[in-house]
Amino acid sequence: MGYSILVYTNMNADIQLLSDIFKALADPTRLRLLKLLSGQSIMFCSGECDGRSFLCVGALAEKLKVTQSAVSQHLRILRQAGLVRGERKGAFMHYAIDDEGIGKYRALLAQTMGEPFVSG
């Protein structure tokens, strides 16, 4: 095909990275977490979580009707994938979408698979 070994190696690495992100997105609970977090801004509860102006693990668990432990495990995977970010304030971790991480994956997807794959 005319690909140099370097280009082919980079393409394989990019495809592996995209595969990893798709694995993180493959779980319905993680997709529901991302949906809940989209549009949220990080604000701090000062010890009283109401689950409306920010989303901490407790609020997410309550909204999803799953345990806080399960939410924490899913958030760990999403954080490792670069899709969410967390900030600690006192005893509470507050989570939001990582816009920078999402932007990197969109760019990588467009570069690797082509713009029609991203834009529809």
N, C-alpha and C. Protein backbone atom coordinates (compact mmCIF):
# COMPACT_ATOMS: atom_id res chain seq x y z
N MET A 1 0.79 -1.21 0.00
CA MET A 1 0.00 0.00 0.00
C MET A 1 0.82 1.25 0.00
N GLY A 2 2.11 1.14 0.21
CA GLY A 2 2.93 2.33 0.20
C GLY A 2 3.07 2.99 1.56
N TYR A 3 2.56 2.40 2.63
CA TYR A 3 2.75 2.96 3.96
C TYR A 3 4.16 2.68 4.43
N SER A 4 4.79 3.69 5.02
CA SER A 4 6.09 3.42 5.63
C SER A 4 5.84 2.70 6.95
N ILE A 5 6.85 2.07 7.46
CA ILE A 5 6.71 1.34 8.73
C ILE A 5 6.32 2.30 9.84
N LEU A 6 6.88 3.52 9.86
CA LEU A 6 6.56 4.50 10.90
C LEU A 6 5.09 4.89 10.84
N VAL A 7 4.58 5.18 9.66
CA VAL A 7 3.18 5.55 9.51
C VAL A 7 2.29 4.39 9.94
N TYR A 8 2.65 3.18 9.53
CA TYR A 8 1.87 2.00 9.87
C TYR A 8 1.87 1.77 11.39
N THR A 9 3.03 1.96 12.04
CA THR A 9 3.13 1.79 13.49
C THR A 9 2.29 2.83 14.21
N ASN A 10 2.37 4.09 13.77
CA ASN A 10 1.56 5.15 14.37
C ASN A 10 0.07 4.87 14.18
N MET A 11 -0.30 4.39 12.99
CA MET A 11 -1.70 4.09 12.73
C MET A 11 -2.18 2.98 13.67
N ASN A 12 -1.36 1.95 13.87
CA ASN A 12 -1.73 0.87 14.78
C ASN A 12 -1.87 1.37 16.21
N ALA A 13 -0.98 2.26 16.63
CA ALA A 13 -1.06 2.83 17.98
C ALA A 13 -2.33 3.66 18.13
N ASP A 14 -2.66 4.45 17.11
CA ASP A 14 -3.88 5.27 17.14
C ASP A 14 -5.11 4.38 17.19
N ILE A 15 -5.11 3.32 16.41
CA ILE A 15 -6.26 2.40 16.41
C ILE A 15 -6.39 1.72 17.76
N GLN A 16 -5.28 1.35 18.38
CA GLN A 16 -5.34 0.74 19.72
C GLN A 16 -5.92 1.72 20.73
N LEU A 17 -5.50 2.98 20.65
CA LEU A 17 -6.02 4.00 21.56
C LEU A 17 -7.52 4.18 21.37
N LEU A 18 -7.97 4.24 20.12
CA LEU A 18 -9.40 4.35 19.85
C LEU A 18 -10.15 3.12 20.37
N SER A 19 -9.56 1.95 20.20
CA SER A 19 -10.18 0.73 20.71
C SER A 19 -10.35 0.80 22.22
N ASP A 20 -9.35 1.33 22.91
CA ASP A 20 -9.43 1.45 24.37
C ASP A 20 -10.55 2.41 24.78
N ILE A 21 -10.70 3.51 24.07
CA ILE A 21 -11.76 4.45 24.41
C ILE A 21 -13.13 3.83 24.14
N PHE A 22 -13.25 3.10 23.05
CA PHE A 22 -14.52 2.44 22.75
C PHE A 22 -14.85 1.39 23.81
N LYS A 23 -13.85 0.73 24.36
CA LYS A 23 -14.08 -0.23 25.45
C LYS A 23 -14.62 0.49 26.67
N ALA A 24 -14.07 1.67 26.97
CA ALA A 24 -14.56 2.44 28.11
C ALA A 24 -16.00 2.88 27.89
N LEU A 25 -16.37 3.12 26.65
CA LEU A 25 -17.73 3.57 26.33
C LEU A 25 -18.71 2.41 26.15
N ALA A 26 -18.22 1.19 26.15
CA ALA A 26 -19.05 0.03 25.82
C ALA A 26 -20.02 -0.38 26.94
N ASP A 27 -19.87 0.18 28.11
CA ASP A 27 -20.72 -0.20 29.24
C ASP A 27 -21.88 0.78 29.37
N PRO A 28 -23.12 0.29 29.44
CA PRO A 28 -24.28 1.20 29.55
C PRO A 28 -24.23 2.11 30.78
N THR A 29 -23.74 1.62 31.90
CA THR A 29 -23.66 2.47 33.09
C THR A 29 -22.68 3.61 32.88
N ARG A 30 -21.57 3.35 32.22
CA ARG A 30 -20.60 4.42 31.96
C ARG A 30 -21.19 5.44 30.98
N LEU A 31 -21.95 4.99 30.01
CA LEU A 31 -22.61 5.93 29.10
C LEU A 31 -23.64 6.78 29.85
N ARG A 32 -24.36 6.16 30.77
CA ARG A 32 -25.32 6.92 31.58
C ARG A 32 -24.61 7.94 32.46
N LEU A 33 -23.46 7.57 33.02
CA LEU A 33 -22.67 8.51 33.81
C LEU A 33 -22.24 9.71 32.96
N LEU A 34 -21.74 9.44 31.78
CA LEU A 34 -21.33 10.54 30.89
C LEU A 34 -22.51 11.44 30.54
N LYS A 35 -23.66 10.85 30.32
CA LYS A 35 -24.86 11.64 30.00
C LYS A 35 -25.22 12.54 31.18
N LEU A 36 -25.17 11.99 32.39
CA LEU A 36 -25.47 12.80 33.58
C LEU A 36 -24.45 13.92 33.76
N LEU A 37 -23.20 13.64 33.45
CA LEU A 37 -22.15 14.63 33.65
C LEU A 37 -22.11 15.69 32.56
N SER A 38 -22.63 15.39 31.40
CA SER A 38 -22.56 16.36 30.32
C SER A 38 -23.38 17.60 30.68
N GLY A 39 -22.77 18.72 30.51
CA GLY A 39 -23.44 19.98 30.82
C GLY A 39 -23.31 20.40 32.28
N GLN A 40 -22.74 19.55 33.13
CA GLN A 40 -22.56 19.92 34.54
C GLN A 40 -21.29 20.73 34.69
N SER A 41 -21.28 21.63 35.62
CA SER A 41 -20.03 22.32 35.98
C SER A 41 -19.65 21.87 37.38
N ILE A 42 -18.37 21.88 37.66
CA ILE A 42 -17.94 21.46 38.98
C ILE A 42 -18.19 22.59 39.96
N MET A 43 -18.98 22.30 40.95
CA MET A 43 -19.20 23.20 42.07
C MET A 43 -19.05 22.34 43.32
N PHE A 44 -18.83 22.94 44.42
CA PHE A 44 -18.54 22.17 45.62
C PHE A 44 -19.68 22.30 46.62
N CYS A 45 -19.95 21.20 47.30
CA CYS A 45 -21.14 21.12 48.14
C CYS A 45 -20.90 21.59 49.57
N SER A 46 -19.67 21.79 49.96
CA SER A 46 -19.34 22.20 51.33
C SER A 46 -19.96 21.24 52.35
N GLY A 47 -20.03 19.97 51.99
CA GLY A 47 -20.51 18.96 52.92
C GLY A 47 -21.96 18.57 52.74
N GLU A 48 -22.74 19.32 51.97
CA GLU A 48 -24.14 18.98 51.75
C GLU A 48 -24.38 18.83 50.26
N CYS A 49 -24.53 17.58 49.83
CA CYS A 49 -24.71 17.32 48.40
C CYS A 49 -26.19 17.32 48.04
N ASP A 50 -26.57 18.14 47.09
CA ASP A 50 -27.96 18.10 46.63
C ASP A 50 -28.08 17.45 45.26
N GLY A 51 -26.95 17.15 44.58
CA GLY A 51 -26.98 16.44 43.32
C GLY A 51 -27.51 17.23 42.15
N ARG A 52 -27.70 18.55 42.31
CA ARG A 52 -28.24 19.34 41.21
C ARG A 52 -27.18 20.23 40.57
N SER A 53 -26.40 20.95 41.36
CA SER A 53 -25.46 21.92 40.80
C SER A 53 -24.08 21.33 40.54
N PHE A 54 -23.83 20.09 40.91
CA PHE A 54 -22.59 19.38 40.68
C PHE A 54 -22.95 17.91 40.79
N LEU A 55 -22.03 17.05 40.45
CA LEU A 55 -22.32 15.63 40.63
C LEU A 55 -21.13 14.94 41.28
N CYS A 56 -21.34 14.53 42.52
CA CYS A 56 -20.34 13.75 43.24
C CYS A 56 -20.75 12.28 43.16
N VAL A 57 -19.92 11.40 43.68
CA VAL A 57 -20.18 9.97 43.60
C VAL A 57 -21.53 9.62 44.22
N GLY A 58 -21.83 10.21 45.37
CA GLY A 58 -23.11 9.92 46.04
C GLY A 58 -24.30 10.34 45.20
N ALA A 59 -24.23 11.53 44.63
CA ALA A 59 -25.34 12.00 43.80
C ALA A 59 -25.48 11.15 42.54
N LEU A 60 -24.35 10.79 41.93
CA LEU A 60 -24.40 9.94 40.73
C LEU A 60 -25.00 8.58 41.07
N ALA A 61 -24.57 8.00 42.20
CA ALA A 61 -25.09 6.69 42.61
C ALA A 61 -26.60 6.76 42.83
N GLU A 62 -27.05 7.83 43.46
CA GLU A 62 -28.48 7.98 43.71
C GLU A 62 -29.26 8.12 42.41
N LYS A 63 -28.76 8.93 41.50
CA LYS A 63 -29.45 9.13 40.22
C LYS A 63 -29.48 7.86 39.38
N LEU A 64 -28.41 7.05 39.45
CA LEU A 64 -28.34 5.82 38.65
C LEU A 64 -28.91 4.60 39.35
N LYS A 65 -29.21 4.75 40.64
CA LYS A 65 -29.72 3.63 41.44
C LYS A 65 -28.74 2.46 41.48
N VAL A 66 -27.46 2.80 41.66
CA VAL A 66 -26.40 1.81 41.84
C VAL A 66 -25.59 2.21 43.06
N THR A 67 -24.70 1.34 43.50
CA THR A 67 -23.91 1.64 44.69
C THR A 67 -22.83 2.67 44.39
N GLN A 68 -22.39 3.35 45.43
CA GLN A 68 -21.30 4.31 45.27
C GLN A 68 -20.03 3.61 44.83
N SER A 69 -19.83 2.39 45.30
CA SER A 69 -18.66 1.61 44.89
C SER A 69 -18.67 1.36 43.39
N ALA A 70 -19.82 0.99 42.85
CA ALA A 70 -19.93 0.74 41.41
C ALA A 70 -19.66 2.02 40.63
N VAL A 71 -20.22 3.13 41.08
CA VAL A 71 -20.00 4.42 40.41
C VAL A 71 -18.51 4.77 40.44
N SER A 72 -17.87 4.57 41.58
CA SER A 72 -16.44 4.87 41.69
C SER A 72 -15.62 4.05 40.71
N GLN A 73 -15.94 2.78 40.57
CA GLN A 73 -15.21 1.92 39.63
C GLN A 73 -15.41 2.38 38.19
N HIS A 74 -16.63 2.72 37.83
CA HIS A 74 -16.90 3.20 36.47
C HIS A 74 -16.20 4.54 36.22
N LEU A 75 -16.23 5.43 37.21
CA LEU A 75 -15.56 6.73 37.06
C LEU A 75 -14.05 6.55 36.92
N ARG A 76 -13.48 5.57 37.61
CA ARG A 76 -12.05 5.29 37.48
C ARG A 76 -11.71 4.95 36.04
N ILE A 77 -12.51 4.10 35.42
CA ILE A 77 -12.29 3.71 34.02
C ILE A 77 -12.43 4.92 33.11
N LEU A 78 -13.44 5.72 33.34
CA LEU A 78 -13.66 6.91 32.51
C LEU A 78 -12.55 7.95 32.70
N ARG A 79 -12.04 8.07 33.94
CA ARG A 79 -10.91 8.97 34.20
C ARG A 79 -9.66 8.49 33.49
N GLN A 80 -9.38 7.18 33.58
CA GLN A 80 -8.20 6.62 32.92
C GLN A 80 -8.28 6.79 31.41
N ALA A 81 -9.49 6.77 30.87
CA ALA A 81 -9.67 6.95 29.43
C ALA A 81 -9.60 8.43 29.04
N GLY A 82 -9.57 9.32 30.01
CA GLY A 82 -9.49 10.75 29.72
C GLY A 82 -10.82 11.38 29.39
N LEU A 83 -11.92 10.75 29.79
CA LEU A 83 -13.25 11.26 29.45
C LEU A 83 -13.86 12.11 30.56
N VAL A 84 -13.47 11.88 31.80
CA VAL A 84 -13.97 12.68 32.92
C VAL A 84 -12.79 13.12 33.76
N ARG A 85 -13.03 14.16 34.54
CA ARG A 85 -12.03 14.64 35.47
C ARG A 85 -12.71 14.80 36.83
N GLY A 86 -11.94 14.65 37.86
CA GLY A 86 -12.48 14.79 39.21
C GLY A 86 -11.66 15.78 40.00
N GLU A 87 -12.33 16.49 40.89
CA GLU A 87 -11.67 17.41 41.80
C GLU A 87 -12.18 17.16 43.19
N ARG A 88 -11.25 17.08 44.14
CA ARG A 88 -11.63 16.83 45.53
C ARG A 88 -11.83 18.16 46.24
N LYS A 89 -12.90 18.22 46.99
CA LYS A 89 -13.15 19.35 47.89
C LYS A 89 -13.59 18.76 49.21
N GLY A 90 -12.69 18.82 50.18
CA GLY A 90 -12.99 18.19 51.46
C GLY A 90 -13.10 16.69 51.30
N ALA A 91 -14.18 16.13 51.77
CA ALA A 91 -14.38 14.68 51.71
C ALA A 91 -15.05 14.25 50.40
N PHE A 92 -15.39 15.19 49.53
CA PHE A 92 -16.17 14.87 48.35
C PHE A 92 -15.36 15.02 47.07
N MET A 93 -15.52 14.06 46.15
CA MET A 93 -14.98 14.18 44.80
C MET A 93 -16.11 14.63 43.90
N HIS A 94 -15.85 15.62 43.09
CA HIS A 94 -16.84 16.14 42.15
C HIS A 94 -16.34 15.88 40.74
N TYR A 95 -17.23 15.46 39.86
CA TYR A 95 -16.84 15.02 38.53
C TYR A 95 -17.51 15.83 37.45
N ALA A 96 -16.77 15.96 36.34
CA ALA A 96 -17.29 16.65 35.14
C ALA A 96 -16.66 16.00 33.92
N ILE A 97 -17.25 16.26 32.79
CA ILE A 97 -16.69 15.80 31.51
C ILE A 97 -15.34 16.50 31.31
N ASP A 98 -14.37 15.78 30.81
CA ASP A 98 -13.06 16.36 30.48
C ASP A 98 -13.11 16.80 29.02
N ASP A 99 -13.45 18.06 28.81
CA ASP A 99 -13.60 18.58 27.45
C ASP A 99 -12.32 18.45 26.63
N GLU A 100 -11.18 18.64 27.28
CA GLU A 100 -9.91 18.52 26.57
C GLU A 100 -9.69 17.07 26.10
N GLY A 101 -9.99 16.12 26.96
CA GLY A 101 -9.85 14.70 26.61
C GLY A 101 -10.79 14.32 25.48
N ILE A 102 -12.02 14.80 25.54
CA ILE A 102 -13.00 14.52 24.48
C ILE A 102 -12.51 15.10 23.16
N GLY A 103 -11.98 16.32 23.20
CA GLY A 103 -11.46 16.95 21.99
C GLY A 103 -10.31 16.17 21.37
N LYS A 104 -9.43 15.63 22.21
CA LYS A 104 -8.31 14.83 21.70
C LYS A 104 -8.82 13.58 20.99
N TYR A 105 -9.83 12.92 21.58
CA TYR A 105 -10.36 11.71 20.95
C TYR A 105 -11.10 12.01 19.66
N ARG A 106 -11.81 13.12 19.62
CA ARG A 106 -12.49 13.50 18.37
C ARG A 106 -11.47 13.74 17.26
N ALA A 107 -10.40 14.45 17.61
CA ALA A 107 -9.35 14.72 16.62
C ALA A 107 -8.68 13.43 16.17
N LEU A 108 -8.40 12.54 17.10
CA LEU A 108 -7.77 11.26 16.76
C LEU A 108 -8.70 10.42 15.89
N LEU A 109 -9.98 10.42 16.22
CA LEU A 109 -10.95 9.67 15.42
C LEU A 109 -11.03 10.23 14.00
N ALA A 110 -11.05 11.54 13.87
CA ALA A 110 -11.09 12.16 12.54
C ALA A 110 -9.82 11.86 11.76
N GLN A 111 -8.68 11.95 12.43
CA GLN A 111 -7.40 11.71 11.78
C GLN A 111 -7.27 10.25 11.34
N THR A 112 -7.70 9.33 12.18
CA THR A 112 -7.50 7.91 11.92
C THR A 112 -8.56 7.33 10.99
N MET A 113 -9.81 7.70 11.22
CA MET A 113 -10.91 7.09 10.48
C MET A 113 -11.48 7.99 9.37
N GLY A 114 -11.15 9.27 9.43
CA GLY A 114 -11.65 10.22 8.44
C GLY A 114 -12.73 11.11 9.02
N GLU A 115 -12.80 12.30 8.50
CA GLU A 115 -13.75 13.31 9.00
C GLU A 115 -15.21 12.83 8.95
N PRO A 116 -15.66 12.11 7.91
CA PRO A 116 -17.06 11.66 7.90
C PRO A 116 -17.42 10.79 9.11
N PHE A 117 -16.43 10.12 9.68
CA PHE A 117 -16.68 9.28 10.84
C PHE A 117 -17.07 10.12 12.05
N VAL A 118 -16.53 11.34 12.15
CA VAL A 118 -16.79 12.22 13.29
C VAL A 118 -17.99 13.12 13.04
N SER A 119 -18.09 13.65 11.84
CA SER A 119 -19.13 14.64 11.56
C SER A 119 -20.44 14.04 11.12
N GLY A 120 -20.46 12.76 10.86
CA GLY A 120 -21.73 12.11 10.51
C GLY A 120 -21.84 11.98 9.07
